[in-house]
Amino acid sequence: MEEQQRARRPGGRSARVRAAVHEAVTDLVNERGYGNFTVGEVAGRAGVADTSVYRRWGNLENLLADVVLARLNERSPMPDTGSLDGDLRTYAANVAREITGPDGLAVLRLVIALSGKGQEGLRARDDFLAERNRQLQSMLDRARERGENPPDALGVLDHVMAPMYIRVLFDVGPLTPDYVDGLVDRLLSHGGSAQAPSTPRKSR
């Protein structure tokens, strides 16, 4: 019982093992691509027993899903700048930085690969999309409570997130600050204003 409590203590051995295993997964995806490594290789890279990985995650798909969700929550904090315009620009910049970081592409590839891995893989993909949607919705709901007129979450996905994902996945252009800001400009001009409905939007 005491051993279980120690394992669950934040910052303890359990947290260190999880961090090491997650790092091993993203390293292996970057080096070999999805489907080209085993739980045993992940465990060896992380310096833990493969039985520890199986005991905690059950199988490789569950482990990969945990990596994806952890990266999403750790690296895409929700901004609160006081305006929808500021929130969207900050959030888009954060996502651009996240997906162009050292393991950003590996995480995107994991999400896509998991979609073709049966029910567990689909569940992992859906969990990723649901968490991304939850993040966006909390930002948009806050804007609506301030009296602003935000677009819906799908509009943000279509106009801002999807173009960035495509650029990174297919290596068709950099995510420069001007490019990311331009995506937000187009969204706001078509899908909602960053000002309260009764207040004209200020020119930038």
Protein backbone atom coordinates (compact mmCIF):
# COMPACT_ATOMS: atom_id res chain seq x y z
CA MET A 1 0.00 0.00 0.00
CA GLU A 2 2.78 2.43 0.92
CA GLU A 3 4.58 1.55 -2.30
CA GLN A 4 1.43 2.36 -4.33
CA GLN A 5 1.06 5.69 -2.56
CA ARG A 6 4.68 6.56 -3.32
CA ALA A 7 4.15 5.67 -6.98
CA ARG A 8 1.17 8.03 -7.21
CA ARG A 9 2.85 10.95 -5.46
CA PRO A 10 3.31 13.86 -7.94
CA GLY A 11 6.97 14.33 -8.77
CA GLY A 12 7.86 10.86 -7.48
CA ARG A 13 9.19 7.83 -9.31
CA SER A 14 5.91 7.35 -11.19
CA ALA A 15 6.15 10.83 -12.70
CA ARG A 16 9.80 10.29 -13.65
CA VAL A 17 9.00 6.96 -15.31
CA ARG A 18 6.12 8.51 -17.26
CA ALA A 19 8.31 11.38 -18.46
CA ALA A 20 11.11 9.01 -19.53
CA VAL A 21 8.72 6.69 -21.37
CA HIS A 22 7.02 9.62 -23.13
CA GLU A 23 10.38 10.98 -24.25
CA ALA A 24 11.39 7.54 -25.51
CA VAL A 25 8.19 7.29 -27.57
CA THR A 26 8.62 10.66 -29.26
CA ASP A 27 12.30 9.97 -29.95
CA LEU A 28 11.46 6.64 -31.57
CA VAL A 29 8.64 8.13 -33.66
CA ASN A 30 10.99 10.84 -34.90
CA GLU A 31 13.71 8.31 -35.72
CA ARG A 32 11.69 5.43 -37.16
CA GLY A 33 8.10 6.49 -37.67
CA TYR A 34 4.98 4.96 -36.17
CA GLY A 35 4.75 1.16 -36.16
CA ASN A 36 8.48 0.56 -36.31
CA PHE A 37 9.20 -0.04 -32.65
CA THR A 38 7.91 -2.19 -29.81
CA VAL A 39 7.00 -1.70 -26.17
CA GLY A 40 10.28 -3.44 -25.31
CA GLU A 41 12.26 -0.89 -27.31
CA VAL A 42 10.40 1.98 -25.65
CA ALA A 43 11.15 0.49 -22.25
CA GLY A 44 14.82 -0.04 -23.09
CA ARG A 45 15.18 3.54 -24.33
CA ALA A 46 13.48 4.84 -21.17
CA GLY A 47 15.55 2.66 -18.86
CA VAL A 48 12.59 0.81 -17.33
CA ALA A 49 11.30 -2.76 -17.43
CA ASP A 50 8.83 -3.54 -20.19
CA THR A 51 6.57 -5.06 -17.52
CA SER A 52 6.32 -1.59 -15.98
CA VAL A 53 5.09 -0.19 -19.30
CA TYR A 54 2.53 -2.96 -19.76
CA ARG A 55 1.35 -2.64 -16.17
CA ARG A 56 0.75 1.08 -16.49
CA TRP A 57 -0.53 1.39 -20.09
CA GLY A 58 -1.60 -2.11 -21.10
CA ASN A 59 -0.49 -1.84 -24.74
CA LEU A 60 1.36 0.39 -27.17
CA GLU A 61 -1.77 2.18 -28.44
CA ASN A 62 -2.77 3.25 -24.93
CA LEU A 63 0.75 4.51 -24.31
CA LEU A 64 0.79 6.51 -27.54
CA ALA A 65 -2.60 8.03 -26.71
CA ASP A 66 -1.28 9.09 -23.33
CA VAL A 67 1.72 10.74 -25.00
CA VAL A 68 -0.50 12.66 -27.40
CA LEU A 69 -2.85 13.98 -24.70
CA ALA A 70 -0.01 14.86 -22.37
CA ARG A 71 1.75 16.89 -25.05
CA LEU A 72 -1.48 18.69 -25.88
CA ASN A 73 -2.15 19.68 -22.28
CA GLU A 74 1.44 20.59 -21.45
CA ARG A 75 2.20 22.72 -24.49
CA SER A 76 -1.03 24.46 -25.47
CA PRO A 77 -1.99 26.57 -22.44
CA MET A 78 -5.17 28.60 -22.87
CA PRO A 79 -4.45 32.35 -22.99
CA ASP A 80 -6.62 34.96 -21.27
CA THR A 81 -5.61 38.32 -22.70
CA GLY A 82 -8.95 40.04 -22.14
CA SER A 83 -10.08 39.97 -25.78
CA LEU A 84 -10.94 37.34 -28.37
CA ASP A 85 -8.48 38.89 -30.81
CA GLY A 86 -5.63 38.63 -28.31
CA ASP A 87 -6.64 35.13 -27.17
CA LEU A 88 -6.84 33.73 -30.70
CA ARG A 89 -3.52 35.23 -31.76
CA THR A 90 -1.75 34.00 -28.64
CA TYR A 91 -3.30 30.54 -28.88
CA ALA A 92 -2.45 30.21 -32.58
CA ALA A 93 1.15 31.29 -31.88
CA ASN A 94 1.37 28.73 -29.06
CA VAL A 95 0.09 25.93 -31.30
CA ALA A 96 2.49 26.92 -34.08
CA ARG A 97 5.38 26.79 -31.61
CA GLU A 98 4.14 23.45 -30.25
CA ILE A 99 3.82 21.65 -33.59
CA THR A 100 7.12 22.96 -34.94
CA GLY A 101 8.99 22.02 -31.76
CA PRO A 102 11.32 19.04 -31.34
CA ASP A 103 8.54 16.44 -31.09
CA GLY A 104 5.59 18.36 -32.53
CA LEU A 105 5.60 16.52 -35.85
CA ALA A 106 5.92 13.17 -34.07
CA VAL A 107 2.78 13.89 -32.04
CA LEU A 108 0.79 14.89 -35.15
CA ARG A 109 1.91 11.71 -36.88
CA LEU A 110 0.84 9.69 -33.87
CA VAL A 111 -2.67 11.17 -33.97
CA ILE A 112 -3.00 10.26 -37.65
CA ALA A 113 -1.52 6.78 -37.23
CA LEU A 114 -3.75 5.96 -34.26
CA SER A 115 -6.82 6.65 -36.42
CA GLY A 116 -6.09 3.44 -38.35
CA LYS A 117 -5.48 1.21 -35.34
CA GLY A 118 -8.93 -0.14 -34.52
CA GLN A 119 -11.24 1.00 -31.77
CA GLU A 120 -8.48 1.84 -29.30
CA GLY A 121 -6.73 3.99 -31.86
CA LEU A 122 -9.94 5.75 -32.84
CA ARG A 123 -10.66 6.38 -29.17
CA ALA A 124 -7.23 7.94 -28.77
CA ARG A 125 -7.76 10.17 -31.80
CA ASP A 126 -11.20 11.18 -30.57
CA ASP A 127 -9.79 11.97 -27.13
CA PHE A 128 -7.18 14.24 -28.73
CA LEU A 129 -9.80 16.05 -30.82
CA ALA A 130 -12.19 16.32 -27.88
CA GLU A 131 -9.49 17.85 -25.68
CA ARG A 132 -8.47 20.31 -28.41
CA ASN A 133 -12.16 21.22 -28.84
CA ARG A 134 -12.61 21.62 -25.09
CA GLN A 135 -9.68 24.02 -24.95
CA LEU A 136 -11.01 26.09 -27.82
CA GLN A 137 -14.55 26.10 -26.48
CA SER A 138 -13.46 27.41 -23.08
CA MET A 139 -11.73 30.34 -24.81
CA LEU A 140 -14.73 31.05 -27.07
CA ASP A 141 -17.22 30.78 -24.20
CA ARG A 142 -15.19 33.28 -22.20
CA ALA A 143 -15.28 35.69 -25.15
CA ARG A 144 -19.05 35.31 -25.43
CA GLU A 145 -19.44 36.05 -21.73
CA ARG A 146 -17.55 39.32 -22.32
CA GLY A 147 -20.12 40.28 -24.94
CA GLU A 148 -17.96 39.46 -27.95
CA ASN A 149 -19.09 37.55 -31.02
CA PRO A 150 -16.73 34.58 -31.38
CA PRO A 151 -16.71 32.01 -34.19
CA ASP A 152 -17.47 28.41 -33.32
CA ALA A 153 -14.75 25.90 -32.48
CA LEU A 154 -15.04 24.21 -35.87
CA GLY A 155 -14.40 27.56 -37.55
CA VAL A 156 -11.16 27.92 -35.58
CA LEU A 157 -10.17 24.39 -36.56
CA ASP A 158 -10.95 24.96 -40.25
CA HIS A 159 -9.40 28.41 -40.61
CA VAL A 160 -6.48 28.35 -38.17
CA MET A 161 -5.53 24.87 -36.96
CA ALA A 162 -5.95 22.82 -40.14
CA PRO A 163 -3.77 25.04 -42.37
CA MET A 164 -0.98 24.94 -39.80
CA TYR A 165 -1.23 21.16 -39.45
CA ILE A 166 -1.11 20.73 -43.24
CA ARG A 167 1.97 22.93 -43.58
CA VAL A 168 3.83 20.99 -40.91
CA LEU A 169 2.76 17.50 -42.00
CA PHE A 170 3.61 18.07 -45.66
CA ASP A 171 6.48 20.52 -45.12
CA VAL A 172 4.99 23.05 -47.55
CA GLY A 173 6.00 26.26 -45.80
CA PRO A 174 7.08 27.75 -42.49
CA LEU A 175 4.67 28.91 -39.80
CA THR A 176 5.92 32.48 -39.64
CA PRO A 177 4.28 34.94 -37.24
CA ASP A 178 2.83 36.85 -40.23
CA TYR A 179 1.34 33.68 -41.68
CA VAL A 180 -0.23 32.64 -38.36
CA ASP A 181 -1.60 36.15 -37.76
CA GLY A 182 -3.03 36.13 -41.27
CA LEU A 183 -4.99 32.96 -40.51
CA VAL A 184 -6.55 34.64 -37.47
CA ASP A 185 -7.31 37.79 -39.53
CA ARG A 186 -9.22 35.74 -42.09
CA LEU A 187 -11.11 33.86 -39.40
CA LEU A 188 -12.20 37.06 -37.66
CA SER A 189 -13.21 38.73 -40.91
CA HIS A 190 -15.45 35.78 -41.84
CA GLY A 191 -16.38 34.07 -38.61
CA GLY A 192 -16.81 36.67 -35.89
CA SER A 193 -15.52 39.92 -34.49
CA ALA A 194 -13.07 40.41 -31.66
CA GLN A 195 -15.11 43.35 -30.40
CA ALA A 196 -18.51 43.45 -28.73
CA PRO A 197 -21.28 43.49 -31.39
CA SER A 198 -22.12 47.16 -30.71
CA THR A 199 -18.49 48.31 -30.99
CA PRO A 200 -16.78 48.64 -34.39
CA ARG A 201 -13.60 46.60 -34.68
CA LYS A 202 -10.50 48.77 -34.50
CA SER A 203 -8.16 48.61 -37.45
CA ARG A 204 -4.83 46.95 -36.81
